[in-house]
């Protein structure tokens, strides 16, 4: 059994790895950002889901699931914000090209961009793209 949440995270990973890949490092649920020998990485993290409260008895359940896409980049030649900007543009293009993830979800909306910067020695930035994903499961099921 794979929950709808796992399927969505897997579909996003597949999307970001499809040629041309946004990065050679695409992970699910990774806590550590990127290895010292890599210049970029993308991490997909499930934040949680809220079912529609007033579902019809025995009808499918509609969900709003929040997912964070962390875009990490480092560069010594560019400022941290310039380095992460190119990666963000690639992720954005893939997300907006098909907001149904091939029919897996009803819609996905980009709701927030949050920037974070590491110390000067790191030359690294992270932009977290927050998505609200609208999808459906069977009644009383996570599938």
N, C-alpha and C. Protein backbone atom coordinates (compact mmCIF):
# COMPACT_ATOMS: atom_id res chain seq x y z
N UNK A 1 0.84 -1.18 0.00
CA UNK A 1 0.00 0.00 0.00
C UNK A 1 0.89 1.24 0.00
N UNK A 2 0.59 2.15 -0.87
CA UNK A 2 1.25 3.45 -0.89
C UNK A 2 0.16 4.50 -0.71
N UNK A 3 0.32 5.35 0.30
CA UNK A 3 -0.69 6.38 0.52
C UNK A 3 -0.66 7.39 -0.62
N UNK A 4 -1.72 8.15 -0.73
CA UNK A 4 -1.78 9.21 -1.74
C UNK A 4 -0.64 10.20 -1.50
N UNK A 5 -0.29 10.44 -0.23
CA UNK A 5 0.78 11.38 0.09
C UNK A 5 2.13 10.89 -0.44
N UNK A 6 2.39 9.60 -0.26
CA UNK A 6 3.62 9.01 -0.79
C UNK A 6 3.65 9.03 -2.31
N UNK A 7 2.50 8.80 -2.93
CA UNK A 7 2.42 8.85 -4.39
C UNK A 7 2.74 10.24 -4.91
N UNK A 8 2.22 11.26 -4.22
CA UNK A 8 2.47 12.64 -4.65
C UNK A 8 3.95 12.98 -4.51
N UNK A 9 4.55 12.63 -3.37
CA UNK A 9 5.98 12.89 -3.17
C UNK A 9 6.81 12.16 -4.23
N UNK A 10 6.44 10.92 -4.53
CA UNK A 10 7.14 10.16 -5.56
C UNK A 10 6.99 10.78 -6.94
N UNK A 11 5.79 11.27 -7.24
CA UNK A 11 5.56 11.91 -8.54
C UNK A 11 6.40 13.19 -8.68
N UNK A 12 6.51 13.94 -7.60
CA UNK A 12 7.34 15.16 -7.64
C UNK A 12 8.81 14.80 -7.84
N UNK A 13 9.27 13.77 -7.16
CA UNK A 13 10.68 13.33 -7.33
C UNK A 13 10.92 12.92 -8.77
N UNK A 14 10.01 12.13 -9.33
CA UNK A 14 10.13 11.70 -10.73
C UNK A 14 10.11 12.90 -11.67
N UNK A 15 9.24 13.86 -11.40
CA UNK A 15 9.15 15.07 -12.22
C UNK A 15 10.48 15.82 -12.23
N UNK A 16 11.07 16.01 -11.06
CA UNK A 16 12.31 16.77 -10.96
C UNK A 16 13.51 16.02 -11.52
N UNK A 17 13.44 14.69 -11.56
CA UNK A 17 14.54 13.88 -12.10
C UNK A 17 14.42 13.67 -13.61
N UNK A 18 13.24 13.92 -14.17
CA UNK A 18 13.03 13.70 -15.61
C UNK A 18 13.88 14.69 -16.41
N UNK A 19 14.41 14.21 -17.53
CA UNK A 19 15.29 15.04 -18.36
C UNK A 19 14.54 16.25 -18.91
N UNK A 20 15.14 17.40 -18.83
CA UNK A 20 16.39 17.69 -18.12
C UNK A 20 16.14 17.82 -16.61
N UNK A 21 16.89 17.07 -15.83
CA UNK A 21 16.72 17.07 -14.38
C UNK A 21 17.04 18.45 -13.81
N UNK A 22 16.33 18.82 -12.76
CA UNK A 22 16.60 20.11 -12.12
C UNK A 22 17.92 20.06 -11.36
N UNK A 23 18.31 18.87 -10.90
CA UNK A 23 19.55 18.65 -10.15
C UNK A 23 19.87 17.16 -10.19
N UNK A 24 21.12 16.83 -9.98
CA UNK A 24 21.50 15.41 -9.87
C UNK A 24 21.20 14.87 -8.48
N UNK A 25 20.85 15.75 -7.55
CA UNK A 25 20.52 15.36 -6.19
C UNK A 25 19.07 15.76 -5.89
N UNK A 26 18.16 14.80 -6.04
CA UNK A 26 16.75 15.03 -5.71
C UNK A 26 16.38 14.00 -4.66
N UNK A 27 15.91 14.47 -3.51
CA UNK A 27 15.64 13.59 -2.38
C UNK A 27 14.22 13.78 -1.86
N UNK A 28 13.75 12.75 -1.16
CA UNK A 28 12.50 12.83 -0.41
C UNK A 28 12.85 12.77 1.07
N UNK A 29 12.23 13.64 1.86
CA UNK A 29 12.30 13.61 3.32
C UNK A 29 13.73 13.57 3.86
N UNK A 30 14.60 14.33 3.26
CA UNK A 30 15.99 14.40 3.72
C UNK A 30 16.12 15.56 4.69
N UNK A 31 16.80 15.34 5.80
CA UNK A 31 16.97 16.41 6.78
C UNK A 31 18.23 17.22 6.49
N UNK A 32 19.34 16.56 6.21
CA UNK A 32 20.58 17.27 5.90
C UNK A 32 20.45 17.85 4.50
N UNK A 33 20.86 19.09 4.33
CA UNK A 33 20.65 19.76 3.05
C UNK A 33 21.45 19.12 1.91
N UNK A 34 22.69 19.51 1.71
CA UNK A 34 23.47 18.95 0.61
C UNK A 34 24.88 18.63 1.07
N UNK A 35 25.46 17.65 0.41
CA UNK A 35 26.84 17.25 0.71
C UNK A 35 27.79 18.36 0.29
N UNK A 36 28.92 18.41 0.93
CA UNK A 36 29.92 19.45 0.66
C UNK A 36 30.44 19.42 -0.78
N UNK A 37 30.42 18.24 -1.40
CA UNK A 37 30.95 18.11 -2.77
C UNK A 37 29.90 18.37 -3.85
N UNK A 38 28.68 18.78 -3.47
CA UNK A 38 27.63 19.10 -4.44
C UNK A 38 27.30 20.59 -4.38
N UNK A 39 26.92 21.13 -5.52
CA UNK A 39 26.57 22.56 -5.59
C UNK A 39 25.08 22.82 -5.46
N UNK A 40 24.26 21.79 -5.63
CA UNK A 40 22.82 22.00 -5.51
C UNK A 40 22.11 20.71 -5.12
N UNK A 41 20.88 20.87 -4.67
CA UNK A 41 20.04 19.72 -4.33
C UNK A 41 18.60 20.21 -4.19
N UNK A 42 17.68 19.27 -4.37
CA UNK A 42 16.26 19.54 -4.17
C UNK A 42 15.73 18.48 -3.20
N UNK A 43 14.99 18.93 -2.20
CA UNK A 43 14.43 18.03 -1.19
C UNK A 43 12.91 18.24 -1.15
N UNK A 44 12.18 17.14 -1.22
CA UNK A 44 10.72 17.15 -1.17
C UNK A 44 10.30 16.68 0.21
N UNK A 45 9.55 17.53 0.93
CA UNK A 45 9.10 17.19 2.28
C UNK A 45 7.59 17.35 2.40
N UNK A 46 6.94 16.31 2.89
CA UNK A 46 5.51 16.41 3.20
C UNK A 46 5.36 17.21 4.49
N UNK A 47 4.43 18.16 4.47
CA UNK A 47 4.18 18.99 5.64
C UNK A 47 2.93 18.53 6.40
N UNK A 48 1.96 17.98 5.69
CA UNK A 48 0.73 17.52 6.33
C UNK A 48 -0.46 17.71 5.42
N UNK A 49 -1.56 17.06 5.77
CA UNK A 49 -2.76 17.16 4.95
C UNK A 49 -3.99 17.37 5.80
N UNK A 50 -4.94 18.08 5.24
CA UNK A 50 -6.21 18.36 5.92
C UNK A 50 -7.34 17.86 5.03
N UNK A 51 -8.15 16.92 5.53
CA UNK A 51 -9.28 16.46 4.72
C UNK A 51 -10.43 17.46 4.78
N UNK A 52 -11.25 17.44 3.75
CA UNK A 52 -12.45 18.27 3.75
C UNK A 52 -13.33 17.81 4.91
N UNK A 53 -13.79 18.73 5.71
CA UNK A 53 -14.51 18.37 6.94
C UNK A 53 -15.93 17.86 6.70
N UNK A 54 -16.56 18.31 5.68
CA UNK A 54 -17.97 17.98 5.49
C UNK A 54 -18.16 17.05 4.31
N UNK A 55 -17.51 15.90 4.36
CA UNK A 55 -17.62 14.93 3.27
C UNK A 55 -18.98 14.24 3.32
N UNK A 56 -19.47 13.89 2.17
CA UNK A 56 -20.73 13.14 2.07
C UNK A 56 -20.46 11.71 2.50
N UNK A 57 -21.37 11.12 3.24
CA UNK A 57 -21.23 9.76 3.72
C UNK A 57 -20.86 8.81 2.59
N UNK A 58 -19.78 8.07 2.75
CA UNK A 58 -19.26 7.08 1.80
C UNK A 58 -18.72 7.67 0.50
N UNK A 59 -18.60 8.97 0.43
CA UNK A 59 -18.04 9.62 -0.77
C UNK A 59 -16.53 9.73 -0.62
N UNK A 60 -15.82 9.92 -1.72
CA UNK A 60 -14.38 10.14 -1.63
C UNK A 60 -14.07 11.37 -0.77
N UNK A 61 -12.86 11.41 -0.23
CA UNK A 61 -12.42 12.53 0.60
C UNK A 61 -11.48 13.42 -0.19
N UNK A 62 -11.73 14.72 -0.14
CA UNK A 62 -10.84 15.69 -0.77
C UNK A 62 -9.86 16.21 0.28
N UNK A 63 -8.61 16.37 -0.12
CA UNK A 63 -7.54 16.78 0.78
C UNK A 63 -6.85 18.03 0.25
N UNK A 64 -6.35 18.82 1.18
CA UNK A 64 -5.38 19.88 0.89
C UNK A 64 -4.11 19.49 1.63
N UNK A 65 -3.12 19.08 0.88
CA UNK A 65 -1.86 18.63 1.46
C UNK A 65 -0.78 19.65 1.17
N UNK A 66 -0.04 20.00 2.20
CA UNK A 66 1.05 20.97 2.04
C UNK A 66 2.37 20.23 1.88
N UNK A 67 3.11 20.64 0.87
CA UNK A 67 4.41 20.03 0.56
C UNK A 67 5.43 21.15 0.41
N UNK A 68 6.61 20.92 0.97
CA UNK A 68 7.71 21.88 0.84
C UNK A 68 8.74 21.31 -0.13
N UNK A 69 9.15 22.13 -1.07
CA UNK A 69 10.22 21.79 -2.00
C UNK A 69 11.39 22.70 -1.66
N UNK A 70 12.45 22.13 -1.10
CA UNK A 70 13.61 22.92 -0.71
C UNK A 70 14.63 22.89 -1.84
N UNK A 71 15.03 24.07 -2.29
CA UNK A 71 16.01 24.22 -3.37
C UNK A 71 17.30 24.78 -2.75
N UNK A 72 18.34 23.96 -2.70
CA UNK A 72 19.62 24.36 -2.12
C UNK A 72 20.63 24.60 -3.22
N UNK A 73 21.41 25.68 -3.10
CA UNK A 73 22.48 25.93 -4.06
C UNK A 73 23.62 26.67 -3.38
N UNK A 74 24.84 26.37 -3.84
CA UNK A 74 26.01 27.07 -3.34
C UNK A 74 26.92 27.38 -4.52
N UNK A 75 27.66 28.46 -4.39
CA UNK A 75 28.59 28.87 -5.44
C UNK A 75 29.61 29.84 -4.85
N UNK A 76 30.81 29.73 -5.30
CA UNK A 76 31.84 30.69 -4.91
C UNK A 76 31.92 31.83 -5.93
N UNK A 77 31.41 31.58 -7.14
CA UNK A 77 31.47 32.59 -8.20
C UNK A 77 30.30 33.57 -8.14
N UNK A 78 29.19 33.15 -7.54
CA UNK A 78 27.99 33.98 -7.47
C UNK A 78 27.61 34.22 -6.02
N UNK A 79 26.76 35.20 -5.78
CA UNK A 79 26.20 35.34 -4.44
C UNK A 79 25.23 34.18 -4.22
N UNK A 80 24.93 33.89 -2.97
CA UNK A 80 24.06 32.76 -2.65
C UNK A 80 22.68 32.90 -3.30
N UNK A 81 22.12 34.12 -3.31
CA UNK A 81 20.80 34.29 -3.92
C UNK A 81 20.85 34.10 -5.43
N UNK A 82 21.95 34.50 -6.06
CA UNK A 82 22.09 34.27 -7.51
C UNK A 82 22.23 32.78 -7.80
N UNK A 83 22.96 32.07 -6.97
CA UNK A 83 23.17 30.64 -7.19
C UNK A 83 21.87 29.86 -7.09
N UNK A 84 21.03 30.18 -6.11
CA UNK A 84 19.79 29.44 -5.94
C UNK A 84 18.72 29.86 -6.94
N UNK A 85 18.86 31.04 -7.52
CA UNK A 85 17.86 31.55 -8.46
C UNK A 85 17.70 30.65 -9.68
N UNK A 86 18.80 30.15 -10.23
CA UNK A 86 18.72 29.28 -11.41
C UNK A 86 18.02 27.96 -11.08
N UNK A 87 18.32 27.41 -9.92
CA UNK A 87 17.67 26.17 -9.50
C UNK A 87 16.17 26.40 -9.27
N UNK A 88 15.83 27.48 -8.61
CA UNK A 88 14.43 27.82 -8.39
C UNK A 88 13.68 27.93 -9.72
N UNK A 89 14.28 28.56 -10.70
CA UNK A 89 13.64 28.72 -12.01
C UNK A 89 13.34 27.36 -12.65
N UNK A 90 14.26 26.40 -12.52
CA UNK A 90 14.04 25.06 -13.08
C UNK A 90 12.90 24.34 -12.36
N UNK A 91 12.89 24.42 -11.05
CA UNK A 91 11.83 23.78 -10.26
C UNK A 91 10.48 24.42 -10.58
N UNK A 92 10.46 25.74 -10.63
CA UNK A 92 9.22 26.48 -10.94
C UNK A 92 8.67 26.05 -12.30
N UNK A 93 9.52 25.97 -13.30
CA UNK A 93 9.08 25.60 -14.65
C UNK A 93 8.45 24.20 -14.66
N UNK A 94 9.04 23.27 -13.95
CA UNK A 94 8.49 21.91 -13.91
C UNK A 94 7.16 21.88 -13.16
N UNK A 95 7.07 22.61 -12.06
CA UNK A 95 5.83 22.63 -11.26
C UNK A 95 4.67 23.25 -12.03
N UNK A 96 4.93 24.29 -12.77
CA UNK A 96 3.85 25.01 -13.45
C UNK A 96 3.50 24.42 -14.81
N UNK A 97 4.31 23.51 -15.33
CA UNK A 97 4.03 22.91 -16.63
C UNK A 97 2.83 21.96 -16.59
N UNK A 98 2.61 21.29 -15.46
CA UNK A 98 1.48 20.37 -15.33
C UNK A 98 1.04 20.36 -13.87
N UNK A 99 0.07 21.18 -13.53
CA UNK A 99 -0.35 21.31 -12.14
C UNK A 99 -1.27 20.17 -11.67
N UNK A 100 -1.42 19.14 -12.51
CA UNK A 100 -2.16 17.95 -12.08
C UNK A 100 -1.23 16.76 -11.86
N UNK A 101 0.07 16.97 -12.06
CA UNK A 101 1.06 15.89 -11.95
C UNK A 101 0.62 14.66 -12.75
N UNK A 102 0.28 14.92 -14.01
CA UNK A 102 -0.13 13.83 -14.89
C UNK A 102 -1.47 13.22 -14.52
N UNK A 103 -2.33 14.00 -13.87
CA UNK A 103 -3.65 13.52 -13.50
C UNK A 103 -3.71 12.89 -12.10
N UNK A 104 -2.60 12.85 -11.39
CA UNK A 104 -2.57 12.27 -10.04
C UNK A 104 -3.32 13.13 -9.03
N UNK A 105 -3.26 14.45 -9.21
CA UNK A 105 -3.91 15.37 -8.27
C UNK A 105 -4.87 16.27 -9.03
N UNK A 106 -5.76 16.93 -8.28
CA UNK A 106 -6.71 17.84 -8.92
C UNK A 106 -6.04 19.15 -9.28
N UNK A 107 -5.12 19.60 -8.43
CA UNK A 107 -4.43 20.86 -8.70
C UNK A 107 -3.31 21.02 -7.68
N UNK A 108 -2.32 21.81 -8.04
CA UNK A 108 -1.34 22.23 -7.05
C UNK A 108 -1.12 23.72 -7.20
N UNK A 109 -1.04 24.37 -6.07
CA UNK A 109 -0.86 25.82 -6.04
C UNK A 109 0.41 26.15 -5.27
N UNK A 110 1.20 27.02 -5.83
CA UNK A 110 2.38 27.50 -5.13
C UNK A 110 1.91 28.62 -4.21
N UNK A 111 2.10 28.44 -2.90
CA UNK A 111 1.55 29.39 -1.94
C UNK A 111 2.60 30.27 -1.27
N UNK A 112 3.88 29.88 -1.34
CA UNK A 112 4.89 30.67 -0.65
C UNK A 112 6.28 30.36 -1.16
N UNK A 113 7.15 31.36 -1.13
CA UNK A 113 8.59 31.21 -1.35
C UNK A 113 9.27 31.77 -0.11
N UNK A 114 10.14 30.97 0.51
CA UNK A 114 10.82 31.40 1.72
C UNK A 114 12.32 31.22 1.52
N UNK A 115 13.08 32.29 1.68
CA UNK A 115 14.53 32.26 1.48
C UNK A 115 15.25 32.11 2.80
N UNK A 116 16.35 31.34 2.79
CA UNK A 116 17.21 31.18 3.95
C UNK A 116 18.65 31.14 3.45
N UNK A 117 19.56 31.74 4.22
CA UNK A 117 20.95 31.82 3.79
C UNK A 117 21.85 31.25 4.88
N UNK A 118 22.86 30.47 4.45
CA UNK A 118 23.85 29.92 5.38
C UNK A 118 24.91 30.98 5.66
N UNK A 119 25.81 30.66 6.56
CA UNK A 119 26.89 31.58 6.89
C UNK A 119 27.76 31.89 5.68
N UNK A 120 28.50 32.98 5.78
CA UNK A 120 29.34 33.46 4.67
C UNK A 120 30.27 32.38 4.13
N UNK A 121 30.84 31.55 4.99
CA UNK A 121 31.77 30.52 4.54
C UNK A 121 31.09 29.46 3.68
N UNK A 122 29.79 29.28 3.85
CA UNK A 122 29.05 28.25 3.11
C UNK A 122 28.73 28.68 1.68
N UNK A 123 28.51 29.98 1.43
CA UNK A 123 28.10 30.47 0.11
C UNK A 123 26.87 29.72 -0.38
N UNK A 124 25.91 29.48 0.53
CA UNK A 124 24.76 28.65 0.19
C UNK A 124 23.45 29.35 0.57
N UNK A 125 22.43 29.09 -0.25
CA UNK A 125 21.09 29.59 0.03
C UNK A 125 20.10 28.45 -0.18
N UNK A 126 18.94 28.62 0.43
CA UNK A 126 17.83 27.68 0.25
C UNK A 126 16.56 28.48 0.02
N UNK A 127 15.84 28.12 -1.02
CA UNK A 127 14.50 28.66 -1.23
C UNK A 127 13.53 27.50 -1.04
N UNK A 128 12.59 27.68 -0.14
CA UNK A 128 11.57 26.66 0.08
C UNK A 128 10.30 27.11 -0.63
N UNK A 129 9.87 26.29 -1.58
CA UNK A 129 8.63 26.51 -2.32
C UNK A 129 7.56 25.70 -1.61
N UNK A 130 6.53 26.37 -1.12
CA UNK A 130 5.45 25.66 -0.44
C UNK A 130 4.30 25.47 -1.42
N UNK A 131 3.83 24.23 -1.49
CA UNK A 131 2.72 23.87 -2.39
C UNK A 131 1.51 23.47 -1.57
N UNK A 132 0.34 23.82 -2.04
CA UNK A 132 -0.90 23.27 -1.52
C UNK A 132 -1.45 22.38 -2.63
N UNK A 133 -1.49 21.09 -2.35
CA UNK A 133 -1.90 20.10 -3.35
C UNK A 133 -3.32 19.63 -3.04
N UNK A 134 -4.20 19.77 -4.01
CA UNK A 134 -5.58 19.31 -3.87
C UNK A 134 -5.69 17.93 -4.51
N UNK A 135 -6.12 16.95 -3.71
CA UNK A 135 -6.23 15.59 -4.23
C UNK A 135 -7.33 14.85 -3.51
N UNK A 136 -7.62 13.66 -3.97
CA UNK A 136 -8.76 12.90 -3.47
C UNK A 136 -8.32 11.49 -3.12
N UNK A 137 -8.91 10.96 -2.04
CA UNK A 137 -8.73 9.55 -1.69
C UNK A 137 -10.11 8.92 -1.57
N UNK A 138 -10.12 7.60 -1.51
CA UNK A 138 -11.37 6.89 -1.30
C UNK A 138 -11.86 7.16 0.13
N UNK A 139 -13.13 6.99 0.36
CA UNK A 139 -13.73 7.25 1.67
C UNK A 139 -13.00 6.44 2.75
N UNK A 140 -12.62 7.10 3.82
CA UNK A 140 -11.94 6.49 4.97
C UNK A 140 -10.67 5.73 4.56
N UNK A 141 -9.96 6.26 3.59
CA UNK A 141 -8.74 5.64 3.10
C UNK A 141 -7.68 6.69 2.86
N UNK A 142 -6.42 6.28 2.93
CA UNK A 142 -5.31 7.17 2.58
C UNK A 142 -4.83 6.89 1.16
N UNK A 143 -5.52 6.03 0.46
CA UNK A 143 -5.16 5.71 -0.92
C UNK A 143 -6.09 6.38 -1.90
